[in-house]
Amino acid sequence: MDISGPLKIGVIDTPDTSGWELQVSFTDEFKQADLADQSRIFQDYVQELVKNINSLPEGDRNRDGMAIVYQLCSEMLPYIKEGQIALEETMMVEIGQSQAVSITDFLHG
């Protein structure tokens, strides 16, 4: 499932740990928008994730991958609205191996 949004997400195998790593950064278009537009764009993205999650059956790996992205985005949303996240930075989030399969399916679906 393809959902366009303000994020660029990569999944990296981290051999030194038992899981994988999400590398999350923001698109150039998102970074160039003013704060009000960033807030609207990010809120719309979160709502689109919810709509698409609810449209897929339980256990679907795309649904599971979107749920991981939704969880991350819902935590970031208040900080995006306040302009408190350094948009030029890449965030690293560790996830379990089973989650990595779901997120990879979603990203490459």
PDB file of N, CA and C in Angstrom:
ATOM      1  N   MET A   1       0.851  -1.170   0.000  1.00  0.00           N
ATOM      2  CA  MET A   1       0.000   0.000   0.000  1.00  0.00           C
ATOM      3  C   MET A   1       0.892   1.226   0.000  1.00  0.00           C
ATOM      4  N   ASP A   2       0.616   2.165  -0.871  1.00  0.00           N
ATOM      5  CA  ASP A   2       1.442   3.360  -0.990  1.00  0.00           C
ATOM      6  C   ASP A   2       0.729   4.541  -0.352  1.00  0.00           C
ATOM      7  N   ILE A   3       1.350   5.104   0.669  1.00  0.00           N
ATOM      8  CA  ILE A   3       0.818   6.296   1.313  1.00  0.00           C
ATOM      9  C   ILE A   3       1.895   7.361   1.226  1.00  0.00           C
ATOM     10  N   SER A   4       1.623   8.391   0.451  1.00  0.00           N
ATOM     11  CA  SER A   4       2.574   9.490   0.347  1.00  0.00           C
ATOM     12  C   SER A   4       2.486  10.311   1.614  1.00  0.00           C
ATOM     13  N   GLY A   5       3.620  10.795   2.049  1.00  0.00           N
ATOM     14  CA  GLY A   5       3.585  11.570   3.273  1.00  0.00           C
ATOM     15  C   GLY A   5       4.857  12.347   3.497  1.00  0.00           C
ATOM     16  N   PRO A   6       4.954  12.956   4.661  1.00  0.00           N
ATOM     17  CA  PRO A   6       6.078  13.826   4.980  1.00  0.00           C
ATOM     18  C   PRO A   6       7.338  13.101   5.428  1.00  0.00           C
ATOM     19  N   LEU A   7       7.278  11.773   5.512  1.00  0.00           N
ATOM     20  CA  LEU A   7       8.409  11.012   6.036  1.00  0.00           C
ATOM     21  C   LEU A   7       9.093  10.178   4.972  1.00  0.00           C
ATOM     22  N   LYS A   8      10.397  10.004   5.158  1.00  0.00           N
ATOM     23  CA  LYS A   8      11.170   9.010   4.417  1.00  0.00           C
ATOM     24  C   LYS A   8      11.613   7.999   5.468  1.00  0.00           C
ATOM     25  N   ILE A   9      11.259   6.715   5.252  1.00  0.00           N
ATOM     26  CA  ILE A   9      11.526   5.698   6.248  1.00  0.00           C
ATOM     27  C   ILE A   9      12.341   4.581   5.617  1.00  0.00           C
ATOM     28  N   GLY A  10      13.422   4.231   6.277  1.00  0.00           N
ATOM     29  CA  GLY A  10      14.240   3.108   5.846  1.00  0.00           C
ATOM     30  C   GLY A  10      14.360   2.098   6.980  1.00  0.00           C
ATOM     31  N   VAL A  11      14.541   0.839   6.627  1.00  0.00           N
ATOM     32  CA  VAL A  11      14.721  -0.222   7.619  1.00  0.00           C
ATOM     33  C   VAL A  11      16.110  -0.804   7.430  1.00  0.00           C
ATOM     34  N   ILE A  12      16.890  -0.815   8.501  1.00  0.00           N
ATOM     35  CA  ILE A  12      18.273  -1.279   8.470  1.00  0.00           C
ATOM     36  C   ILE A  12      18.420  -2.457   9.425  1.00  0.00           C
ATOM     37  N   ASP A  13      19.011  -3.547   8.945  1.00  0.00           N
ATOM     38  CA  ASP A  13      19.327  -4.681   9.807  1.00  0.00           C
ATOM     39  C   ASP A  13      20.519  -4.286  10.670  1.00  0.00           C
ATOM     40  N   THR A  14      20.377  -4.445  11.966  1.00  0.00           N
ATOM     41  CA  THR A  14      21.468  -4.125  12.892  1.00  0.00           C
ATOM     42  C   THR A  14      21.971  -5.429  13.509  1.00  0.00           C
ATOM     43  N   PRO A  15      23.043  -5.999  12.934  1.00  0.00           N
ATOM     44  CA  PRO A  15      23.518  -7.320  13.369  1.00  0.00           C
ATOM     45  C   PRO A  15      23.948  -7.381  14.831  1.00  0.00           C
ATOM     46  N   ASP A  16      24.292  -6.252  15.417  1.00  0.00           N
ATOM     47  CA  ASP A  16      24.764  -6.244  16.799  1.00  0.00           C
ATOM     48  C   ASP A  16      23.616  -6.327  17.814  1.00  0.00           C
ATOM     49  N   THR A  17      22.371  -6.216  17.326  1.00  0.00           N
ATOM     50  CA  THR A  17      21.222  -6.269  18.229  1.00  0.00           C
ATOM     51  C   THR A  17      20.255  -7.351  17.763  1.00  0.00           C
ATOM     52  N   SER A  18      19.224  -7.571  18.543  1.00  0.00           N
ATOM     53  CA  SER A  18      18.247  -8.603  18.181  1.00  0.00           C
ATOM     54  C   SER A  18      17.163  -8.072  17.254  1.00  0.00           C
ATOM     55  N   GLY A  19      17.218  -6.799  16.927  1.00  0.00           N
ATOM     56  CA  GLY A  19      16.175  -6.215  16.091  1.00  0.00           C
ATOM     57  C   GLY A  19      16.722  -5.466  14.901  1.00  0.00           C
ATOM     58  N   TRP A  20      15.916  -4.555  14.417  1.00  0.00           N
ATOM     59  CA  TRP A  20      16.244  -3.737  13.264  1.00  0.00           C
ATOM     60  C   TRP A  20      16.125  -2.282  13.674  1.00  0.00           C
ATOM     61  N   GLU A  21      16.493  -1.408  12.785  1.00  0.00           N
ATOM     62  CA  GLU A  21      16.452   0.015  13.073  1.00  0.00           C
ATOM     63  C   GLU A  21      15.669   0.735  11.985  1.00  0.00           C
ATOM     64  N   LEU A  22      14.722   1.555  12.401  1.00  0.00           N
ATOM     65  CA  LEU A  22      14.041   2.445  11.471  1.00  0.00           C
ATOM     66  C   LEU A  22      14.832   3.738  11.409  1.00  0.00           C
ATOM     67  N   GLN A  23      15.086   4.218  10.212  1.00  0.00           N
ATOM     68  CA  GLN A  23      15.693   5.529  10.037  1.00  0.00           C
ATOM     69  C   GLN A  23      14.624   6.419   9.432  1.00  0.00           C
ATOM     70  N   VAL A  24      14.241   7.430  10.177  1.00  0.00           N
ATOM     71  CA  VAL A  24      13.127   8.290   9.802  1.00  0.00           C
ATOM     72  C   VAL A  24      13.637   9.711   9.605  1.00  0.00           C
ATOM     73  N   SER A  25      13.352  10.257   8.428  1.00  0.00           N
ATOM     74  CA  SER A  25      13.678  11.654   8.164  1.00  0.00           C
ATOM     75  C   SER A  25      12.479  12.286   7.461  1.00  0.00           C
ATOM     76  N   PHE A  26      12.534  13.589   7.290  1.00  0.00           N
ATOM     77  CA  PHE A  26      11.431  14.320   6.690  1.00  0.00           C
ATOM     78  C   PHE A  26      11.766  14.683   5.249  1.00  0.00           C
ATOM     79  N   THR A  27      10.741  14.722   4.408  1.00  0.00           N
ATOM     80  CA  THR A  27      10.947  15.094   3.011  1.00  0.00           C
ATOM     81  C   THR A  27      11.345  16.567   2.924  1.00  0.00           C
ATOM     82  N   ASP A  28      12.041  16.921   1.865  1.00  0.00           N
ATOM     83  CA  ASP A  28      12.439  18.320   1.662  1.00  0.00           C
ATOM     84  C   ASP A  28      11.219  19.226   1.572  1.00  0.00           C
ATOM     85  N   GLU A  29      10.180  18.749   0.893  1.00  0.00           N
ATOM     86  CA  GLU A  29       8.953  19.541   0.749  1.00  0.00           C
ATOM     87  C   GLU A  29       8.356  19.863   2.120  1.00  0.00           C
ATOM     88  N   PHE A  30       8.333  18.876   3.004  1.00  0.00           N
ATOM     89  CA  PHE A  30       7.795  19.085   4.345  1.00  0.00           C
ATOM     90  C   PHE A  30       8.653  20.076   5.126  1.00  0.00           C
ATOM     91  N   LYS A  31       9.951  19.932   5.047  1.00  0.00           N
ATOM     92  CA  LYS A  31      10.856  20.819   5.779  1.00  0.00           C
ATOM     93  C   LYS A  31      10.722  22.266   5.323  1.00  0.00           C
ATOM     94  N   GLN A  32      10.384  22.483   4.057  1.00  0.00           N
ATOM     95  CA  GLN A  32      10.297  23.833   3.508  1.00  0.00           C
ATOM     96  C   GLN A  32       8.956  24.509   3.803  1.00  0.00           C
ATOM     97  N   ALA A  33       7.968  23.740   4.234  1.00  0.00           N
ATOM     98  CA  ALA A  33       6.648  24.303   4.537  1.00  0.00           C
ATOM     99  C   ALA A  33       6.719  25.119   5.831  1.00  0.00           C
ATOM    100  N   ASP A  34       5.802  26.079   5.961  1.00  0.00           N
ATOM    101  CA  ASP A  34       5.762  26.828   7.219  1.00  0.00           C
ATOM    102  C   ASP A  34       5.102  25.966   8.296  1.00  0.00           C
ATOM    103  N   LEU A  35       5.196  26.398   9.545  1.00  0.00           N
ATOM    104  CA  LEU A  35       4.757  25.591  10.678  1.00  0.00           C
ATOM    105  C   LEU A  35       3.285  25.205  10.578  1.00  0.00           C
ATOM    106  N   ALA A  36       2.427  26.121  10.174  1.00  0.00           N
ATOM    107  CA  ALA A  36       0.996  25.818  10.054  1.00  0.00           C
ATOM    108  C   ALA A  36       0.764  24.720   9.014  1.00  0.00           C
ATOM    109  N   ASP A  37       1.451  24.805   7.889  1.00  0.00           N
ATOM    110  CA  ASP A  37       1.311  23.785   6.849  1.00  0.00           C
ATOM    111  C   ASP A  37       1.893  22.452   7.307  1.00  0.00           C
ATOM    112  N   GLN A  38       3.031  22.483   8.005  1.00  0.00           N
ATOM    113  CA  GLN A  38       3.608  21.250   8.528  1.00  0.00           C
ATOM    114  C   GLN A  38       2.628  20.553   9.466  1.00  0.00           C
ATOM    115  N   SER A  39       2.007  21.323  10.320  1.00  0.00           N
ATOM    116  CA  SER A  39       1.041  20.769  11.262  1.00  0.00           C
ATOM    117  C   SER A  39      -0.128  20.120  10.520  1.00  0.00           C
ATOM    118  N   ARG A  40      -0.655  20.804   9.531  1.00  0.00           N
ATOM    119  CA  ARG A  40      -1.775  20.279   8.748  1.00  0.00           C
ATOM    120  C   ARG A  40      -1.371  19.029   7.975  1.00  0.00           C
ATOM    121  N   ILE A  41      -0.220  19.074   7.308  1.00  0.00           N
ATOM    122  CA  ILE A  41       0.269  17.944   6.516  1.00  0.00           C
ATOM    123  C   ILE A  41       0.468  16.713   7.401  1.00  0.00           C
ATOM    124  N   PHE A  42       1.081  16.917   8.550  1.00  0.00           N
ATOM    125  CA  PHE A  42       1.367  15.789   9.431  1.00  0.00           C
ATOM    126  C   PHE A  42       0.079  15.216  10.027  1.00  0.00           C
ATOM    127  N   GLN A  43      -0.847  16.101  10.422  1.00  0.00           N
ATOM    128  CA  GLN A  43      -2.142  15.649  10.945  1.00  0.00           C
ATOM    129  C   GLN A  43      -2.892  14.864   9.876  1.00  0.00           C
ATOM    130  N   ASP A  44      -2.893  15.343   8.639  1.00  0.00           N
ATOM    131  CA  ASP A  44      -3.550  14.628   7.537  1.00  0.00           C
ATOM    132  C   ASP A  44      -2.914  13.255   7.316  1.00  0.00           C
ATOM    133  N   TYR A  45      -1.588  13.181   7.439  1.00  0.00           N
ATOM    134  CA  TYR A  45      -0.875  11.917   7.273  1.00  0.00           C
ATOM    135  C   TYR A  45      -1.293  10.918   8.352  1.00  0.00           C
ATOM    136  N   VAL A  46      -1.370  11.377   9.585  1.00  0.00           N
ATOM    137  CA  VAL A  46      -1.789  10.508  10.690  1.00  0.00           C
ATOM    138  C   VAL A  46      -3.218  10.012  10.448  1.00  0.00           C
ATOM    139  N   GLN A  47      -4.099  10.895  10.008  1.00  0.00           N
ATOM    140  CA  GLN A  47      -5.482  10.495   9.734  1.00  0.00           C
ATOM    141  C   GLN A  47      -5.559   9.496   8.577  1.00  0.00           C
ATOM    142  N   GLU A  48      -4.720   9.687   7.560  1.00  0.00           N
ATOM    143  CA  GLU A  48      -4.697   8.741   6.438  1.00  0.00           C
ATOM    144  C   GLU A  48      -4.198   7.373   6.892  1.00  0.00           C
ATOM    145  N   LEU A  49      -3.206   7.364   7.775  1.00  0.00           N
ATOM    146  CA  LEU A  49      -2.733   6.092   8.324  1.00  0.00           C
ATOM    147  C   LEU A  49      -3.861   5.367   9.054  1.00  0.00           C
ATOM    148  N   VAL A  50      -4.610   6.095   9.887  1.00  0.00           N
ATOM    149  CA  VAL A  50      -5.721   5.486  10.633  1.00  0.00           C
ATOM    150  C   VAL A  50      -6.744   4.906   9.663  1.00  0.00           C
ATOM    151  N   LYS A  51      -7.111   5.670   8.651  1.00  0.00           N
ATOM    152  CA  LYS A  51      -8.103   5.208   7.666  1.00  0.00           C
ATOM    153  C   LYS A  51      -7.625   3.935   6.981  1.00  0.00           C
ATOM    154  N   ASN A  52      -6.370   3.902   6.574  1.00  0.00           N
ATOM    155  CA  ASN A  52      -5.841   2.740   5.877  1.00  0.00           C
ATOM    156  C   ASN A  52      -5.630   1.544   6.805  1.00  0.00           C
ATOM    157  N   ILE A  53      -5.246   1.792   8.031  1.00  0.00           N
ATOM    158  CA  ILE A  53      -5.118   0.699   9.009  1.00  0.00           C
ATOM    159  C   ILE A  53      -6.476   0.034   9.198  1.00  0.00           C
ATOM    160  N   ASN A  54      -7.500   0.850   9.356  1.00  0.00           N
ATOM    161  CA  ASN A  54      -8.843   0.311   9.592  1.00  0.00           C
ATOM    162  C   ASN A  54      -9.435  -0.395   8.383  1.00  0.00           C
ATOM    163  N   SER A  55      -8.884  -0.147   7.202  1.00  0.00           N
ATOM    164  CA  SER A  55      -9.420  -0.774   5.994  1.00  0.00           C
ATOM    165  C   SER A  55      -8.826  -2.162   5.737  1.00  0.00           C
ATOM    166  N   LEU A  56      -7.797  -2.521   6.497  1.00  0.00           N
ATOM    167  CA  LEU A  56      -7.138  -3.816   6.295  1.00  0.00           C
ATOM    168  C   LEU A  56      -7.495  -4.786   7.419  1.00  0.00           C
ATOM    169  N   PRO A  57      -7.506  -6.089   7.122  1.00  0.00           N
ATOM    170  CA  PRO A  57      -7.858  -7.078   8.152  1.00  0.00           C
ATOM    171  C   PRO A  57      -6.742  -7.233   9.191  1.00  0.00           C
ATOM    172  N   GLU A  58      -7.149  -7.635  10.385  1.00  0.00           N
ATOM    173  CA  GLU A  58      -6.186  -7.960  11.444  1.00  0.00           C
ATOM    174  C   GLU A  58      -5.185  -8.979  10.910  1.00  0.00           C
ATOM    175  N   GLY A  59      -3.922  -8.830  11.273  1.00  0.00           N
ATOM    176  CA  GLY A  59      -2.894  -9.781  10.863  1.00  0.00           C
ATOM    177  C   GLY A  59      -2.258  -9.471   9.523  1.00  0.00           C
ATOM    178  N   ASP A  60      -2.824  -8.551   8.753  1.00  0.00           N
ATOM    179  CA  ASP A  60      -2.216  -8.138   7.482  1.00  0.00           C
ATOM    180  C   ASP A  60      -0.915  -7.412   7.794  1.00  0.00           C
ATOM    181  N   ARG A  61       0.171  -7.822   7.131  1.00  0.00           N
ATOM    182  CA  ARG A  61       1.471  -7.225   7.453  1.00  0.00           C
ATOM    183  C   ARG A  61       1.542  -5.762   7.051  1.00  0.00           C
ATOM    184  N   ASN A  62       0.810  -5.336   6.011  1.00  0.00           N
ATOM    185  CA  ASN A  62       0.755  -3.912   5.691  1.00  0.00           C
ATOM    186  C   ASN A  62       0.105  -3.139   6.831  1.00  0.00           C
ATOM    187  N   ARG A  63      -0.964  -3.714   7.373  1.00  0.00           N
ATOM    188  CA  ARG A  63      -1.646  -3.073   8.507  1.00  0.00           C
ATOM    189  C   ARG A  63      -0.686  -2.950   9.691  1.00  0.00           C
ATOM    190  N   ASP A  64       0.028  -4.031   9.977  1.00  0.00           N
ATOM    191  CA  ASP A  64       0.970  -4.023  11.095  1.00  0.00           C
ATOM    192  C   ASP A  64       2.074  -2.992  10.879  1.00  0.00           C
ATOM    193  N   GLY A  65       2.568  -2.887   9.647  1.00  0.00           N
ATOM    194  CA  GLY A  65       3.602  -1.896   9.337  1.00  0.00           C
ATOM    195  C   GLY A  65       3.094  -0.477   9.496  1.00  0.00           C
ATOM    196  N   MET A  66       1.882  -0.237   8.995  1.00  0.00           N
ATOM    197  CA  MET A  66       1.275   1.091   9.151  1.00  0.00           C
ATOM    198  C   MET A  66       1.047   1.421  10.619  1.00  0.00           C
ATOM    199  N   ALA A  67       0.699   0.416  11.406  1.00  0.00           N
ATOM    200  CA  ALA A  67       0.467   0.644  12.835  1.00  0.00           C
ATOM    201  C   ALA A  67       1.751   1.103  13.527  1.00  0.00           C
ATOM    202  N   ILE A  68       2.878   0.562  13.110  1.00  0.00           N
ATOM    203  CA  ILE A  68       4.167   0.988  13.676  1.00  0.00           C
ATOM    204  C   ILE A  68       4.432   2.446  13.309  1.00  0.00           C
ATOM    205  N   VAL A  69       4.217   2.787  12.048  1.00  0.00           N
ATOM    206  CA  VAL A  69       4.418   4.173  11.603  1.00  0.00           C
ATOM    207  C   VAL A  69       3.427   5.099  12.307  1.00  0.00           C
ATOM    208  N   TYR A  70       2.176   4.655  12.438  1.00  0.00           N
ATOM    209  CA  TYR A  70       1.165   5.457  13.137  1.00  0.00           C
ATOM    210  C   TYR A  70       1.592   5.725  14.575  1.00  0.00           C
ATOM    211  N   GLN A  71       2.062   4.696  15.254  1.00  0.00           N
ATOM    212  CA  GLN A  71       2.476   4.857  16.651  1.00  0.00           C
ATOM    213  C   GLN A  71       3.573   5.920  16.763  1.00  0.00           C
ATOM    214  N   LEU A  72       4.546   5.850  15.889  1.00  0.00           N
ATOM    215  CA  LEU A  72       5.629   6.831  15.883  1.00  0.00           C
ATOM    216  C   LEU A  72       5.091   8.230  15.583  1.00  0.00           C
ATOM    217  N   CYS A  73       4.259   8.333  14.552  1.00  0.00           N
ATOM    218  CA  CYS A  73       3.739   9.644  14.131  1.00  0.00           C
ATOM    219  C   CYS A  73       2.818  10.266  15.172  1.00  0.00           C
ATOM    220  N   SER A  74       1.999   9.444  15.815  1.00  0.00           N
ATOM    221  CA  SER A  74       1.096   9.999  16.818  1.00  0.00           C
ATOM    222  C   SER A  74       1.877  10.551  18.009  1.00  0.00           C
ATOM    223  N   GLU A  75       3.031   9.943  18.308  1.00  0.00           N
ATOM    224  CA  GLU A  75       3.894  10.469  19.371  1.00  0.00           C
ATOM    225  C   GLU A  75       4.577  11.781  18.944  1.00  0.00           C
ATOM    226  N   MET A  76       4.890  11.889  17.665  1.00  0.00           N
ATOM    227  CA  MET A  76       5.583  13.084  17.171  1.00  0.00           C
ATOM    228  C   MET A  76       4.650  14.260  16.917  1.00  0.00           C
ATOM    229  N   LEU A  77       3.366  13.993  16.656  1.00  0.00           N
ATOM    230  CA  LEU A  77       2.435  15.032  16.224  1.00  0.00           C
ATOM    231  C   LEU A  77       2.408  16.276  17.110  1.00  0.00           C
ATOM    232  N   PRO A  78       2.306  16.157  18.431  1.00  0.00           N
ATOM    233  CA  PRO A  78       2.285  17.377  19.247  1.00  0.00           C
ATOM    234  C   PRO A  78       3.564  18.215  19.098  1.00  0.00           C
ATOM    235  N   TYR A  79       4.686  17.544  18.909  1.00  0.00           N
ATOM    236  CA  TYR A  79       5.957  18.249  18.767  1.00  0.00           C
ATOM    237  C   TYR A  79       6.080  18.906  17.389  1.00  0.00           C
ATOM    238  N   ILE A  80       5.509  18.256  16.383  1.00  0.00           N
ATOM    239  CA  ILE A  80       5.466  18.855  15.040  1.00  0.00           C
ATOM    240  C   ILE A  80       4.641  20.130  15.100  1.00  0.00           C
ATOM    241  N   LYS A  81       3.472  20.053  15.743  1.00  0.00           N
ATOM    242  CA  LYS A  81       2.579  21.212  15.836  1.00  0.00           C
ATOM    243  C   LYS A  81       3.247  22.398  16.522  1.00  0.00           C
ATOM    244  N   GLU A  82       4.119  22.108  17.466  1.00  0.00           N
ATOM    245  CA  GLU A  82       4.809  23.169  18.213  1.00  0.00           C
ATOM    246  C   GLU A  82       6.148  23.570  17.588  1.00  0.00           C
ATOM    247  N   GLY A  83       6.552  22.880  16.530  1.00  0.00           N
ATOM    248  CA  GLY A  83       7.832  23.181  15.891  1.00  0.00           C
ATOM    249  C   GLY A  83       9.017  22.786  16.735  1.00  0.00           C
ATOM    250  N   GLN A  84       8.865  21.730  17.514  1.00  0.00           N
ATOM    251  CA  GLN A  84       9.902  21.329  18.458  1.00  0.00           C
ATOM    252  C   GLN A  84      10.734  20.134  18.014  1.00  0.00           C
ATOM    253  N   ILE A  85      10.635  19.753  16.756  1.00  0.00           N
ATOM    254  CA  ILE A  85      11.460  18.663  16.246  1.00  0.00           C
ATOM    255  C   ILE A  85      12.415  19.233  15.200  1.00  0.00           C
ATOM    256  N   ALA A  86      13.690  18.870  15.322  1.00  0.00           N
ATOM    257  CA  ALA A  86      14.694  19.306  14.349  1.00  0.00           C
ATOM    258  C   ALA A  86      14.480  18.508  13.068  1.00  0.00           C
ATOM    259  N   LEU A  87      13.835  19.118  12.096  1.00  0.00           N
ATOM    260  CA  LEU A  87      13.426  18.412  10.886  1.00  0.00           C
ATOM    261  C   LEU A  87      14.593  17.977  10.009  1.00  0.00           C
ATOM    262  N   GLU A  88      15.747  18.568  10.206  1.00  0.00           N
ATOM    263  CA  GLU A  88      16.896  18.198   9.385  1.00  0.00           C
ATOM    264  C   GLU A  88      17.623  16.959   9.922  1.00  0.00           C
ATOM    265  N   GLU A  89      17.230  16.507  11.105  1.00  0.00           N
ATOM    266  CA  GLU A  89      17.852  15.339  11.717  1.00  0.00           C
ATOM    267  C   GLU A  89      17.174  14.049  11.264  1.00  0.00           C
ATOM    268  N   THR A  90      17.936  12.951  11.252  1.00  0.00           N
ATOM    269  CA  THR A  90      17.381  11.625  11.013  1.00  0.00           C
ATOM    270  C   THR A  90      17.203  10.951  12.359  1.00  0.00           C
ATOM    271  N   MET A  91      16.008  10.437  12.599  1.00  0.00           N
ATOM    272  CA  MET A  91      15.715   9.749  13.857  1.00  0.00           C
ATOM    273  C   MET A  91      15.949   8.253  13.681  1.00  0.00           C
ATOM    274  N   MET A  92      16.469   7.617  14.690  1.00  0.00           N
ATOM    275  CA  MET A  92      16.703   6.177  14.699  1.00  0.00           C
ATOM    276  C   MET A  92      15.789   5.559  15.750  1.00  0.00           C
ATOM    277  N   VAL A  93      15.040   4.541  15.337  1.00  0.00           N
ATOM    278  CA  VAL A  93      14.120   3.858  16.243  1.00  0.00           C
ATOM    279  C   VAL A  93      14.379   2.361  16.120  1.00  0.00           C
ATOM    280  N   GLU A  94      14.678   1.707  17.250  1.00  0.00           N
ATOM    281  CA  GLU A  94      14.898   0.265  17.223  1.00  0.00           C
ATOM    282  C   GLU A  94      13.560  -0.454  17.258  1.00  0.00           C
ATOM    283  N   ILE A  95      13.436  -1.489  16.423  1.00  0.00           N
ATOM    284  CA  ILE A  95      12.224  -2.305  16.396  1.00  0.00           C
ATOM    285  C   ILE A  95      12.633  -3.770  16.380  1.00  0.00           C
ATOM    286  N   GLY A  96      11.710  -4.633  16.786  1.00  0.00           N
ATOM    287  CA  GLY A  96      11.967  -6.071  16.778  1.00  0.00           C
ATOM    288  C   GLY A  96      11.985  -6.623  15.364  1.00  0.00           C
ATOM    289  N   GLN A  97      12.561  -7.792  15.194  1.00  0.00           N
ATOM    290  CA  GLN A  97      12.682  -8.396  13.869  1.00  0.00           C
ATOM    291  C   GLN A  97      11.319  -8.643  13.233  1.00  0.00           C
ATOM    292  N   SER A  98      10.337  -9.115  13.998  1.00  0.00           N
ATOM    293  CA  SER A  98       9.012  -9.366  13.425  1.00  0.00           C
ATOM    294  C   SER A  98       8.354  -8.068  12.979  1.00  0.00           C
ATOM    295  N   GLN A  99       8.596  -6.984  13.695  1.00  0.00           N
ATOM    296  CA  GLN A  99       8.072  -5.681  13.290  1.00  0.00           C
ATOM    297  C   GLN A  99       8.751  -5.207  12.017  1.00  0.00           C
ATOM    298  N   ALA A 100      10.024  -5.522  11.866  1.00  0.00           N
ATOM    299  CA  ALA A 100      10.768  -5.097  10.681  1.00  0.00           C
ATOM    300  C   ALA A 100      10.182  -5.711   9.420  1.00  0.00           C
ATOM    301  N   VAL A 101       9.733  -6.956   9.507  1.00  0.00           N
ATOM    302  CA  VAL A 101       9.112  -7.603   8.350  1.00  0.00           C
ATOM    303  C   VAL A 101       7.847  -6.852   7.959  1.00  0.00           C
ATOM    304  N   SER A 102       7.024  -6.503   8.944  1.00  0.00           N
ATOM    305  CA  SER A 102       5.780  -5.780   8.669  1.00  0.00           C
ATOM    306  C   SER A 102       6.051  -4.409   8.075  1.00  0.00           C
ATOM    307  N   ILE A 103       6.988  -3.690   8.640  1.00  0.00           N
ATOM    308  CA  ILE A 103       7.269  -2.342   8.151  1.00  0.00           C
ATOM    309  C   ILE A 103       7.890  -2.407   6.758  1.00  0.00           C
ATOM    310  N   THR A 104       8.719  -3.412   6.504  1.00  0.00           N
ATOM    311  CA  THR A 104       9.319  -3.570   5.177  1.00  0.00           C
ATOM    312  C   THR A 104       8.248  -3.873   4.138  1.00  0.00           C
ATOM    313  N   ASP A 105       7.314  -4.750   4.479  1.00  0.00           N
ATOM    314  CA  ASP A 105       6.203  -5.048   3.564  1.00  0.00           C
ATOM    315  C   ASP A 105       5.417  -3.781   3.266  1.00  0.00           C
ATOM    316  N   PHE A 106       5.126  -2.999   4.285  1.00  0.00           N
ATOM    317  CA  PHE A 106       4.374  -1.768   4.106  1.00  0.00           C
ATOM    318  C   PHE A 106       5.121  -0.775   3.220  1.00  0.00           C
ATOM    319  N   LEU A 107       6.404  -0.594   3.486  1.00  0.00           N
ATOM    320  CA  LEU A 107       7.190   0.399   2.754  1.00  0.00           C
ATOM    321  C   LEU A 107       7.414  -0.002   1.296  1.00  0.00           C
ATOM    322  N   HIS A 108       7.505  -1.296   1.047  1.00  0.00           N
ATOM    323  CA  HIS A 108       7.796  -1.755  -0.313  1.00  0.00           C
ATOM    324  C   HIS A 108       6.576  -2.345  -1.014  1.00  0.00           C
ATOM    325  N   GLY A 109       5.424  -2.346  -0.278  1.00  0.00           N
ATOM    326  CA  GLY A 109       4.191  -2.957  -0.759  1.00  0.00           C
ATOM    327  C   GLY A 109       3.759  -2.430  -2.051  1.00  0.00           C
TER     328      GLY A 109
END
